[in-house]
Amino acid sequence: MPKRYSYNDLMAMTNHFKDQLGEGGFGFVYKWHLSRGFLIAVKMLKNTKFSAQEFINEVSTIGRIHHANVVQLLGFFSKGSYRAFVYEYMPNGSLEKHIFLKEGKAQPFAWEKLLKIVLGTARGIEYLHCRYDVCILDFNIKPHNVLLDQNFVPKVADFGLAKFYPKEYNAMSISTTRGTLGYMAPELISRNFGAISSKSDVYSFGMLLLEMAGGRKNVDANAKSSSKVYFPSWVYDHLEVE
């Protein structure tokens, strides 16, 4: 079980919430220096709908995950309506910061390094789906949620939308739409497209691969040509021509 921290601990960890690394849809992330130069990331959740017991149950499950390509949960905080996760710190930030081409600049990563990142990310997702006593569906696979350590080893992160279900089930149901537009599998938008399963994460992973290969976001409202606004459609049209 990860370590439980007090609010005073969090205040000390984050320099009174001044050392902010970023902000996402589920909260604010802060950096803290532990002894001997060890760094951690503190994620303060906002607008959480978890009850205290639901949060503790999720911490218990996520805290047992240990894989080279999944960010490790080190601790947590829960009091009243306040919740926080304490994770290992990823010094090279998210994959999103490294893969999108800037005009006039070359691809920042060699193809060999991109391949290693792809394989590592796939191993992390496969572990969540298949190598644990429950199947964990992430529902938010995208470059922003793949973090890179000091050696650019990728780690799947951010389980704010994750759902857990028994491995013997082939599909699951959810009460609300989960994910980020542009990465969400069709069945997450309409059940007419099929059942929700681990394949929903695989779809999101495929969209991530497309962005890595193309060096651009799959939706670009500023594209010079209207045919290039939605990258997957542009790729599909060219495959048809070929």
C-alpha atoms as a PDB file:
ATOM      1  CA  MET A   1       0.000   0.000   0.000  1.00  0.00           C
ATOM      2  CA  PRO A   2       1.420   3.458  -0.900  1.00  0.00           C
ATOM      3  CA  LYS A   3       2.299   5.816   1.951  1.00  0.00           C
ATOM      4  CA  ARG A   4      -0.432   8.077   3.299  1.00  0.00           C
ATOM      5  CA  TYR A   5       0.641  11.726   3.661  1.00  0.00           C
ATOM      6  CA  SER A   6      -0.860  14.540   5.733  1.00  0.00           C
ATOM      7  CA  TYR A   7      -1.853  17.965   4.425  1.00  0.00           C
ATOM      8  CA  ASN A   8       1.183  19.452   6.175  1.00  0.00           C
ATOM      9  CA  ASP A   9       3.337  16.956   4.290  1.00  0.00           C
ATOM     10  CA  LEU A  10       1.852  18.176   0.999  1.00  0.00           C
ATOM     11  CA  MET A  11       2.460  21.796   1.958  1.00  0.00           C
ATOM     12  CA  ALA A  12       6.108  21.005   2.613  1.00  0.00           C
ATOM     13  CA  MET A  13       6.396  18.839  -0.509  1.00  0.00           C
ATOM     14  CA  THR A  14       5.133  21.543  -2.846  1.00  0.00           C
ATOM     15  CA  ASN A  15       6.704  24.606  -1.178  1.00  0.00           C
ATOM     16  CA  HIS A  16       3.211  25.711  -0.148  1.00  0.00           C
ATOM     17  CA  PHE A  17       1.899  24.775  -3.616  1.00  0.00           C
ATOM     18  CA  LYS A  18       4.312  27.133  -5.393  1.00  0.00           C
ATOM     19  CA  ASP A  19       6.420  24.652  -7.410  1.00  0.00           C
ATOM     20  CA  GLN A  20       3.754  23.918 -10.009  1.00  0.00           C
ATOM     21  CA  LEU A  21       4.710  21.762 -12.988  1.00  0.00           C
ATOM     22  CA  GLY A  22       1.444  21.955 -14.858  1.00  0.00           C
ATOM     23  CA  GLU A  23      -2.320  21.652 -14.854  1.00  0.00           C
ATOM     24  CA  GLY A  24      -4.552  19.016 -16.408  1.00  0.00           C
ATOM     25  CA  GLY A  25      -8.221  18.235 -16.579  1.00  0.00           C
ATOM     26  CA  PHE A  26      -8.119  16.500 -13.208  1.00  0.00           C
ATOM     27  CA  GLY A  27      -5.863  18.708 -11.144  1.00  0.00           C
ATOM     28  CA  PHE A  28      -2.604  20.538 -10.556  1.00  0.00           C
ATOM     29  CA  VAL A  29       0.826  18.875 -10.545  1.00  0.00           C
ATOM     30  CA  TYR A  30       3.669  20.037  -8.304  1.00  0.00           C
ATOM     31  CA  LYS A  31       7.319  19.011  -7.951  1.00  0.00           C
ATOM     32  CA  TRP A  32       9.088  18.200  -4.715  1.00  0.00           C
ATOM     33  CA  HIS A  33      12.734  17.457  -3.892  1.00  0.00           C
ATOM     34  CA  LEU A  34      13.193  14.610  -1.444  1.00  0.00           C
ATOM     35  CA  SER A  35      16.481  13.818   0.265  1.00  0.00           C
ATOM     36  CA  ARG A  36      19.505  12.863  -1.854  1.00  0.00           C
ATOM     37  CA  GLY A  37      18.103  14.662  -4.887  1.00  0.00           C
ATOM     38  CA  PHE A  38      15.168  12.283  -5.390  1.00  0.00           C
ATOM     39  CA  LEU A  39      12.200  14.033  -7.043  1.00  0.00           C
ATOM     40  CA  ILE A  40       8.500  13.268  -6.851  1.00  0.00           C
ATOM     41  CA  ALA A  41       5.364  14.729  -8.450  1.00  0.00           C
ATOM     42  CA  VAL A  42       2.312  15.620  -6.359  1.00  0.00           C
ATOM     43  CA  LYS A  43      -1.018  15.702  -8.188  1.00  0.00           C
ATOM     44  CA  MET A  44      -3.779  17.564  -6.351  1.00  0.00           C
ATOM     45  CA  LEU A  45      -7.145  16.459  -7.715  1.00  0.00           C
ATOM     46  CA  LYS A  46      -9.957  18.898  -8.346  1.00  0.00           C
ATOM     47  CA  ASN A  47     -13.696  18.294  -8.569  1.00  0.00           C
ATOM     48  CA  THR A  48     -13.255  14.669  -7.548  1.00  0.00           C
ATOM     49  CA  LYS A  49     -16.423  12.581  -7.396  1.00  0.00           C
ATOM     50  CA  PHE A  50     -14.803   9.766  -5.428  1.00  0.00           C
ATOM     51  CA  SER A  51     -16.007   9.047  -1.928  1.00  0.00           C
ATOM     52  CA  ALA A  52     -13.192   8.615   0.592  1.00  0.00           C
ATOM     53  CA  GLN A  53     -13.571   4.821   0.516  1.00  0.00           C
ATOM     54  CA  GLU A  54     -13.697   4.666  -3.298  1.00  0.00           C
ATOM     55  CA  PHE A  55     -10.519   6.730  -3.444  1.00  0.00           C
ATOM     56  CA  ILE A  56      -8.734   4.453  -0.945  1.00  0.00           C
ATOM     57  CA  ASN A  57      -9.851   1.379  -2.917  1.00  0.00           C
ATOM     58  CA  GLU A  58      -8.441   2.864  -6.125  1.00  0.00           C
ATOM     59  CA  VAL A  59      -5.183   3.781  -4.388  1.00  0.00           C
ATOM     60  CA  SER A  60      -4.921   0.204  -3.139  1.00  0.00           C
ATOM     61  CA  THR A  61      -5.331  -1.150  -6.672  1.00  0.00           C
ATOM     62  CA  ILE A  62      -3.060   1.322  -8.477  1.00  0.00           C
ATOM     63  CA  GLY A  63      -0.481   1.087  -5.695  1.00  0.00           C
ATOM     64  CA  ARG A  64       0.103  -2.582  -6.493  1.00  0.00           C
ATOM     65  CA  ILE A  65       1.057  -1.824 -10.091  1.00  0.00           C
ATOM     66  CA  HIS A  66       4.784  -2.221 -10.659  1.00  0.00           C
ATOM     67  CA  HIS A  67       5.993  -2.122 -14.237  1.00  0.00           C
ATOM     68  CA  ALA A  68       8.879  -0.382 -15.978  1.00  0.00           C
ATOM     69  CA  ASN A  69       6.455   1.355 -18.356  1.00  0.00           C
ATOM     70  CA  VAL A  70       3.793   2.501 -15.879  1.00  0.00           C
ATOM     71  CA  VAL A  71       4.320   5.487 -13.567  1.00  0.00           C
ATOM     72  CA  GLN A  72       4.572   4.264  -9.980  1.00  0.00           C
ATOM     73  CA  LEU A  73       2.252   5.584  -7.290  1.00  0.00           C
ATOM     74  CA  LEU A  74       4.326   6.296  -4.168  1.00  0.00           C
ATOM     75  CA  GLY A  75       1.753   7.837  -1.853  1.00  0.00           C
ATOM     76  CA  PHE A  76      -1.563   9.651  -1.458  1.00  0.00           C
ATOM     77  CA  PHE A  77      -3.558  12.132   0.601  1.00  0.00           C
ATOM     78  CA  SER A  78      -7.271  12.045   1.426  1.00  0.00           C
ATOM     79  CA  LYS A  79      -9.175  14.260   3.836  1.00  0.00           C
ATOM     80  CA  GLY A  80     -12.646  15.681   3.410  1.00  0.00           C
ATOM     81  CA  SER A  81     -13.079  16.607  -0.250  1.00  0.00           C
ATOM     82  CA  TYR A  82      -9.319  16.902  -0.847  1.00  0.00           C
ATOM     83  CA  ARG A  83      -7.424  14.143  -2.675  1.00  0.00           C
ATOM     84  CA  ALA A  84      -3.870  13.879  -3.966  1.00  0.00           C
ATOM     85  CA  PHE A  85      -1.561  11.329  -5.586  1.00  0.00           C
ATOM     86  CA  VAL A  86       2.215  11.240  -5.098  1.00  0.00           C
ATOM     87  CA  TYR A  87       4.076   9.785  -8.098  1.00  0.00           C
ATOM     88  CA  GLU A  88       7.652   9.281  -9.205  1.00  0.00           C
ATOM     89  CA  TYR A  89       8.869  12.348 -11.098  1.00  0.00           C
ATOM     90  CA  MET A  90       9.481  12.159 -14.860  1.00  0.00           C
ATOM     91  CA  PRO A  91      12.184  14.765 -15.717  1.00  0.00           C
ATOM     92  CA  ASN A  92      11.668  14.714 -19.496  1.00  0.00           C
ATOM     93  CA  GLY A  93       7.985  15.523 -19.248  1.00  0.00           C
ATOM     94  CA  SER A  94       5.313  14.209 -21.560  1.00  0.00           C
ATOM     95  CA  LEU A  95       5.775  12.650 -24.977  1.00  0.00           C
ATOM     96  CA  GLU A  96       3.622  15.467 -26.339  1.00  0.00           C
ATOM     97  CA  LYS A  97       6.500  17.929 -25.848  1.00  0.00           C
ATOM     98  CA  HIS A  98       8.865  15.952 -28.057  1.00  0.00           C
ATOM     99  CA  ILE A  99       7.062  14.467 -31.061  1.00  0.00           C
ATOM    100  CA  PHE A 100       5.351  17.334 -32.848  1.00  0.00           C
ATOM    101  CA  LEU A 101       7.425  18.897 -35.605  1.00  0.00           C
ATOM    102  CA  LYS A 102       8.060  22.618 -35.551  1.00  0.00           C
ATOM    103  CA  GLU A 103       8.263  24.444 -38.850  1.00  0.00           C
ATOM    104  CA  GLY A 104      11.798  24.389 -40.220  1.00  0.00           C
ATOM    105  CA  LYS A 105      13.043  21.894 -37.628  1.00  0.00           C
ATOM    106  CA  ALA A 106      13.850  18.210 -37.969  1.00  0.00           C
ATOM    107  CA  GLN A 107      12.214  15.372 -36.037  1.00  0.00           C
ATOM    108  CA  PRO A 108      13.648  15.663 -32.472  1.00  0.00           C
ATOM    109  CA  PHE A 109      13.883  11.881 -32.053  1.00  0.00           C
ATOM    110  CA  ALA A 110      15.529   9.369 -34.366  1.00  0.00           C
ATOM    111  CA  TRP A 111      13.193   6.650 -35.630  1.00  0.00           C
ATOM    112  CA  GLU A 112      15.034   4.097 -33.494  1.00  0.00           C
ATOM    113  CA  LYS A 113      14.244   6.053 -30.331  1.00  0.00           C
ATOM    114  CA  LEU A 114      10.627   6.543 -31.413  1.00  0.00           C
ATOM    115  CA  LEU A 115      10.323   2.784 -31.888  1.00  0.00           C
ATOM    116  CA  LYS A 116      11.636   2.143 -28.365  1.00  0.00           C
ATOM    117  CA  ILE A 117       9.092   4.613 -26.974  1.00  0.00           C
ATOM    118  CA  VAL A 118       6.299   2.935 -28.955  1.00  0.00           C
ATOM    119  CA  LEU A 119       7.241  -0.541 -27.714  1.00  0.00           C
ATOM    120  CA  GLY A 120       7.615   0.621 -24.115  1.00  0.00           C
ATOM    121  CA  THR A 121       4.227   2.335 -24.165  1.00  0.00           C
ATOM    122  CA  ALA A 122       2.633  -0.773 -25.673  1.00  0.00           C
ATOM    123  CA  ARG A 123       4.152  -2.938 -22.927  1.00  0.00           C
ATOM    124  CA  GLY A 124       2.741  -0.628 -20.258  1.00  0.00           C
ATOM    125  CA  ILE A 125      -0.757  -0.761 -21.762  1.00  0.00           C
ATOM    126  CA  GLU A 126      -0.550  -4.537 -22.228  1.00  0.00           C
ATOM    127  CA  TYR A 127       0.422  -4.937 -18.567  1.00  0.00           C
ATOM    128  CA  LEU A 128      -2.574  -2.893 -17.423  1.00  0.00           C
ATOM    129  CA  HIS A 129      -4.872  -4.974 -19.608  1.00  0.00           C
ATOM    130  CA  CYS A 130      -3.557  -8.483 -19.105  1.00  0.00           C
ATOM    131  CA  ARG A 131      -0.903  -8.989 -16.454  1.00  0.00           C
ATOM    132  CA  TYR A 132      -2.798  -8.021 -13.344  1.00  0.00           C
ATOM    133  CA  ASP A 133      -5.599  -9.637 -11.321  1.00  0.00           C
ATOM    134  CA  VAL A 134      -8.050  -7.114 -12.802  1.00  0.00           C
ATOM    135  CA  CYS A 135      -8.142  -5.517 -16.236  1.00  0.00           C
ATOM    136  CA  ILE A 136      -7.431  -1.783 -16.051  1.00  0.00           C
ATOM    137  CA  LEU A 137      -8.748   0.300 -18.936  1.00  0.00           C
ATOM    138  CA  ASP A 138      -7.050   3.682 -19.116  1.00  0.00           C
ATOM    139  CA  PHE A 139      -9.516   5.500 -21.438  1.00  0.00           C
ATOM    140  CA  ASN A 140      -7.070   8.399 -21.824  1.00  0.00           C
ATOM    141  CA  ILE A 141      -4.112   7.130 -23.847  1.00  0.00           C
ATOM    142  CA  LYS A 142      -2.544  10.120 -25.606  1.00  0.00           C
ATOM    143  CA  PRO A 143       0.918  11.745 -25.880  1.00  0.00           C
ATOM    144  CA  HIS A 144       0.207  14.054 -22.932  1.00  0.00           C
ATOM    145  CA  ASN A 145      -0.248  11.021 -20.665  1.00  0.00           C
ATOM    146  CA  VAL A 146       2.898   9.158 -21.680  1.00  0.00           C
ATOM    147  CA  LEU A 147       5.739  10.470 -19.516  1.00  0.00           C
ATOM    148  CA  LEU A 148       9.479  10.093 -20.119  1.00  0.00           C
ATOM    149  CA  ASP A 149      12.095   9.436 -17.438  1.00  0.00           C
ATOM    150  CA  GLN A 150      15.705  10.643 -17.478  1.00  0.00           C
ATOM    151  CA  ASN A 151      16.581   8.006 -20.105  1.00  0.00           C
ATOM    152  CA  PHE A 152      13.440   8.680 -22.183  1.00  0.00           C
ATOM    153  CA  VAL A 153      11.865   5.408 -21.061  1.00  0.00           C
ATOM    154  CA  PRO A 154       8.085   5.884 -21.534  1.00  0.00           C
ATOM    155  CA  LYS A 155       5.642   5.360 -18.685  1.00  0.00           C
ATOM    156  CA  VAL A 156       1.849   5.345 -18.987  1.00  0.00           C
ATOM    157  CA  ALA A 157       0.387   7.869 -16.539  1.00  0.00           C
ATOM    158  CA  ASP A 158      -2.840   9.517 -15.368  1.00  0.00           C
ATOM    159  CA  PHE A 159      -5.509   7.034 -14.324  1.00  0.00           C
ATOM    160  CA  GLY A 160      -8.175   9.658 -13.640  1.00  0.00           C
ATOM    161  CA  LEU A 161     -10.568   8.034 -16.126  1.00  0.00           C
ATOM    162  CA  ALA A 162      -9.477   4.431 -15.605  1.00  0.00           C
ATOM    163  CA  LYS A 163     -11.965   1.644 -14.930  1.00  0.00           C
ATOM    164  CA  PHE A 164     -11.287  -1.735 -13.364  1.00  0.00           C
ATOM    165  CA  TYR A 165     -13.117  -4.935 -14.227  1.00  0.00           C
ATOM    166  CA  PRO A 166     -12.548  -8.718 -13.877  1.00  0.00           C
ATOM    167  CA  LYS A 167     -10.266 -10.209 -16.515  1.00  0.00           C
ATOM    168  CA  GLU A 168     -12.809 -12.909 -17.371  1.00  0.00           C
ATOM    169  CA  TYR A 169     -15.200 -10.258 -18.749  1.00  0.00           C
ATOM    170  CA  ASN A 170     -14.924  -9.601 -22.490  1.00  0.00           C
ATOM    171  CA  ALA A 171     -16.598  -6.199 -22.313  1.00  0.00           C
ATOM    172  CA  MET A 172     -17.786  -3.615 -19.814  1.00  0.00           C
ATOM    173  CA  SER A 173     -20.284  -0.785 -19.483  1.00  0.00           C
ATOM    174  CA  ILE A 174     -19.739   2.808 -18.367  1.00  0.00           C
ATOM    175  CA  SER A 175     -22.264   5.429 -17.336  1.00  0.00           C
ATOM    176  CA  THR A 176     -20.545   8.470 -18.870  1.00  0.00           C
ATOM    177  CA  THR A 177     -18.376   9.182 -21.902  1.00  0.00           C
ATOM    178  CA  ARG A 178     -14.676   8.938 -21.065  1.00  0.00           C
ATOM    179  CA  GLY A 179     -11.614  10.131 -22.927  1.00  0.00           C
ATOM    180  CA  THR A 180     -10.307  12.978 -25.063  1.00  0.00           C
ATOM    181  CA  LEU A 181     -11.825  13.828 -28.427  1.00  0.00           C
ATOM    182  CA  GLY A 182      -9.488  12.793 -31.195  1.00  0.00           C
ATOM    183  CA  TYR A 183      -8.335   9.736 -29.247  1.00  0.00           C
ATOM    184  CA  MET A 184     -11.646   8.216 -28.133  1.00  0.00           C
ATOM    185  CA  ALA A 185     -12.715   4.962 -29.752  1.00  0.00           C
ATOM    186  CA  PRO A 186     -16.066   5.186 -31.614  1.00  0.00           C
ATOM    187  CA  GLU A 187     -17.791   2.820 -29.157  1.00  0.00           C
ATOM    188  CA  LEU A 188     -17.124   5.303 -26.340  1.00  0.00           C
ATOM    189  CA  ILE A 189     -19.243   7.853 -28.196  1.00  0.00           C
ATOM    190  CA  SER A 190     -22.001   5.534 -29.423  1.00  0.00           C
ATOM    191  CA  ARG A 191     -22.727   1.929 -28.446  1.00  0.00           C
ATOM    192  CA  ASN A 192     -23.844   1.360 -32.053  1.00  0.00           C
ATOM    193  CA  PHE A 193     -20.149   0.883 -32.870  1.00  0.00           C
ATOM    194  CA  GLY A 194     -19.756  -2.090 -30.535  1.00  0.00           C
ATOM    195  CA  ALA A 195     -18.863  -3.060 -26.980  1.00  0.00           C
ATOM    196  CA  ILE A 196     -16.378  -1.238 -24.767  1.00  0.00           C
ATOM    197  CA  SER A 197     -13.300  -3.318 -23.997  1.00  0.00           C
ATOM    198  CA  SER A 198      -9.513  -3.180 -23.900  1.00  0.00           C
ATOM    199  CA  LYS A 199      -9.698  -2.571 -27.655  1.00  0.00           C
ATOM    200  CA  SER A 200     -10.914   0.943 -26.848  1.00  0.00           C
ATOM    201  CA  ASP A 201      -7.464   1.720 -25.422  1.00  0.00           C
ATOM    202  CA  VAL A 202      -5.840   0.074 -28.443  1.00  0.00           C
ATOM    203  CA  TYR A 203      -7.709   2.517 -30.700  1.00  0.00           C
ATOM    204  CA  SER A 204      -6.343   5.448 -28.662  1.00  0.00           C
ATOM    205  CA  PHE A 205      -2.866   3.944 -28.866  1.00  0.00           C
ATOM    206  CA  GLY A 206      -3.248   3.752 -32.647  1.00  0.00           C
ATOM    207  CA  MET A 207      -4.057   7.461 -32.773  1.00  0.00           C
ATOM    208  CA  LEU A 208      -0.955   8.132 -30.670  1.00  0.00           C
ATOM    209  CA  LEU A 209       1.144   6.112 -33.149  1.00  0.00           C
ATOM    210  CA  LEU A 210      -0.267   8.117 -36.040  1.00  0.00           C
ATOM    211  CA  GLU A 211       0.763  11.362 -34.364  1.00  0.00           C
ATOM    212  CA  MET A 212       4.248  10.030 -33.649  1.00  0.00           C
ATOM    213  CA  ALA A 213       4.713   8.909 -37.259  1.00  0.00           C
ATOM    214  CA  GLY A 214       3.316  12.119 -38.741  1.00  0.00           C
ATOM    215  CA  GLY A 215       4.912  14.529 -36.293  1.00  0.00           C
ATOM    216  CA  ARG A 216       1.626  16.432 -35.936  1.00  0.00           C
ATOM    217  CA  LYS A 217      -1.592  16.381 -33.930  1.00  0.00           C
ATOM    218  CA  ASN A 218      -4.434  14.390 -35.419  1.00  0.00           C
ATOM    219  CA  VAL A 219      -6.620  17.519 -35.376  1.00  0.00           C
ATOM    220  CA  ASP A 220      -5.094  20.802 -36.579  1.00  0.00           C
ATOM    221  CA  ALA A 221      -7.558  23.652 -37.048  1.00  0.00           C
ATOM    222  CA  ASN A 222      -4.736  25.803 -38.469  1.00  0.00           C
ATOM    223  CA  ALA A 223      -3.821  23.409 -41.274  1.00  0.00           C
ATOM    224  CA  LYS A 224      -3.144  25.160 -44.589  1.00  0.00           C
ATOM    225  CA  SER A 225      -5.582  22.883 -46.394  1.00  0.00           C
ATOM    226  CA  SER A 226      -9.028  21.855 -45.123  1.00  0.00           C
ATOM    227  CA  SER A 227      -8.254  18.285 -46.194  1.00  0.00           C
ATOM    228  CA  LYS A 228      -5.421  18.206 -43.644  1.00  0.00           C
ATOM    229  CA  VAL A 229      -7.415  19.371 -40.617  1.00  0.00           C
ATOM    230  CA  TYR A 230      -8.155  15.794 -39.533  1.00  0.00           C
ATOM    231  CA  PHE A 231      -4.921  13.875 -40.057  1.00  0.00           C
ATOM    232  CA  PRO A 232      -6.389  10.318 -40.053  1.00  0.00           C
ATOM    233  CA  SER A 233      -8.739  11.249 -42.927  1.00  0.00           C
ATOM    234  CA  TRP A 234      -5.852  12.764 -44.877  1.00  0.00           C
ATOM    235  CA  VAL A 235      -3.807   9.580 -44.397  1.00  0.00           C
ATOM    236  CA  TYR A 236      -6.768   7.397 -45.386  1.00  0.00           C
ATOM    237  CA  ASP A 237      -7.378   9.393 -48.570  1.00  0.00           C
ATOM    238  CA  HIS A 238      -3.742   8.965 -49.593  1.00  0.00           C
ATOM    239  CA  LEU A 239      -3.839   5.241 -48.878  1.00  0.00           C
ATOM    240  CA  GLU A 240      -6.852   4.958 -51.182  1.00  0.00           C
ATOM    241  CA  VAL A 241      -4.965   6.809 -53.916  1.00  0.00           C
ATOM    242  CA  GLU A 242      -1.999   4.474 -53.547  1.00  0.00           C
END
